[in-house]
Amino acid sequence: MDRGEVTTVLVTLEDRTDGGLRVWSENLPGLILSGRDRARVVAAIAPAIKTLFEAARKGARVSVRPERPLHEVLPQQGARTVKVDVRQDRVVYVVEVKKAA
């Protein structure tokens, strides 16, 4: 049985000056998300990665998950009350691609 391909995508999450969040990946061209609603941006990461992999591998079954829970990586909203330099975090997403039957 073919177990498929497993790879990882390193995603950068960066605070925006307006309190929102910007997301991109240097190793997955096309992954660029940004918005004021941090929760919506975070929720869109895995579906965006999945869409990009499915487009590149027609007919493949793709599953995507963060390597560790995002609440462990991202601070709670409002955790910083003083504006300082923009903060960046990196999250690894695990991508499993199985060939179409």
Protein backbone atom coordinates (compact mmCIF):
# COMPACT_ATOMS: atom_id res chain seq x y z
CA MET A 1 0.00 0.00 0.00
CA ASP A 2 1.34 3.43 -0.98
CA ARG A 3 1.65 5.59 2.12
CA GLY A 4 2.10 8.72 0.03
CA GLU A 5 4.38 11.65 0.59
CA VAL A 6 4.82 13.53 3.85
CA THR A 7 6.44 16.95 3.89
CA THR A 8 6.52 20.01 6.09
CA VAL A 9 5.88 23.66 5.38
CA LEU A 10 7.47 26.33 7.56
CA VAL A 11 4.97 29.17 7.97
CA THR A 12 5.84 32.62 9.31
CA LEU A 13 3.21 34.48 11.32
CA GLU A 14 3.88 38.16 11.80
CA ASP A 15 1.98 40.75 13.81
CA ARG A 16 0.67 43.67 11.78
CA THR A 17 0.89 47.17 13.22
CA ASP A 18 -2.93 47.37 13.22
CA GLY A 19 -3.20 44.30 15.47
CA GLY A 20 -3.89 41.92 12.62
CA LEU A 21 -1.78 39.04 11.36
CA ARG A 22 0.27 38.41 8.20
CA VAL A 23 1.19 34.86 7.17
CA TRP A 24 3.55 33.56 4.48
CA SER A 25 5.94 30.75 3.71
CA GLU A 26 9.30 31.00 2.00
CA ASN A 27 9.13 27.34 0.99
CA LEU A 28 5.55 27.36 -0.36
CA PRO A 29 5.14 30.04 -3.02
CA GLY A 30 1.65 31.49 -3.09
CA LEU A 31 0.96 31.13 0.61
CA ILE A 32 0.22 34.70 1.63
CA LEU A 33 -2.57 35.57 4.04
CA SER A 34 -3.25 38.81 5.88
CA GLY A 35 -6.09 40.37 7.83
CA ARG A 36 -7.18 42.23 10.92
CA ASP A 37 -9.07 39.25 12.35
CA ARG A 38 -6.25 37.06 13.65
CA ALA A 39 -8.48 34.06 14.31
CA ARG A 40 -9.77 34.06 10.73
CA VAL A 41 -6.26 34.34 9.31
CA VAL A 42 -5.02 31.45 11.48
CA ALA A 43 -8.07 29.34 10.57
CA ALA A 44 -7.31 29.91 6.86
CA ILE A 45 -3.71 28.61 6.98
CA ALA A 46 -4.31 24.85 6.69
CA PRO A 47 -7.03 25.19 3.99
CA ALA A 48 -4.76 27.49 1.97
CA ILE A 49 -1.85 25.03 2.18
CA LYS A 50 -4.19 22.20 1.17
CA THR A 51 -5.47 24.17 -1.83
CA LEU A 52 -1.94 24.93 -3.03
CA PHE A 53 -0.85 21.28 -2.76
CA GLU A 54 -4.03 20.02 -4.46
CA ALA A 55 -3.52 22.46 -7.34
CA ALA A 56 0.06 21.26 -7.81
CA ARG A 57 -0.83 17.56 -7.54
CA LYS A 58 -4.09 17.12 -9.46
CA GLY A 59 -6.38 14.53 -7.95
CA ALA A 60 -4.24 13.90 -4.87
CA ARG A 61 -5.77 13.58 -1.43
CA VAL A 62 -4.11 16.11 0.85
CA SER A 63 -4.32 16.51 4.62
CA VAL A 64 -2.70 19.37 6.54
CA ARG A 65 -2.19 19.94 10.24
CA PRO A 66 0.05 22.09 12.40
CA GLU A 67 2.93 20.16 13.94
CA ARG A 68 1.89 21.41 17.38
CA PRO A 69 -1.27 23.17 18.57
CA LEU A 70 -1.33 26.82 17.52
CA HIS A 71 -2.32 28.00 21.00
CA GLU A 72 1.15 26.86 22.12
CA VAL A 73 2.79 29.10 19.51
CA LEU A 74 0.63 32.20 19.37
CA PRO A 75 0.13 34.42 22.41
CA GLN A 76 -3.41 35.00 23.55
CA GLN A 77 -5.02 38.04 21.99
CA GLY A 78 -4.30 41.07 24.10
CA ALA A 79 -1.34 39.44 25.82
CA ARG A 80 0.86 42.39 24.85
CA THR A 81 -0.49 45.72 25.99
CA VAL A 82 2.53 47.81 25.05
CA LYS A 83 3.40 48.18 21.39
CA VAL A 84 6.91 47.01 20.71
CA ASP A 85 8.68 45.73 17.62
CA VAL A 86 6.67 43.49 15.34
CA ARG A 87 6.69 39.91 16.55
CA GLN A 88 7.24 36.90 14.31
CA ASP A 89 6.52 33.27 15.09
CA ARG A 90 7.13 30.22 12.95
CA VAL A 91 4.86 27.21 12.78
CA VAL A 92 5.55 23.94 11.00
CA TYR A 93 2.61 22.39 9.15
CA VAL A 94 2.72 18.70 8.26
CA VAL A 95 1.33 17.91 4.80
CA GLU A 96 0.44 14.38 3.73
CA VAL A 97 -0.22 13.80 0.04
CA LYS A 98 -1.69 10.52 -1.23
CA LYS A 99 -1.97 9.73 -4.89
CA ALA A 100 -5.46 9.52 -6.35
CA ALA A 101 -6.82 5.99 -6.58
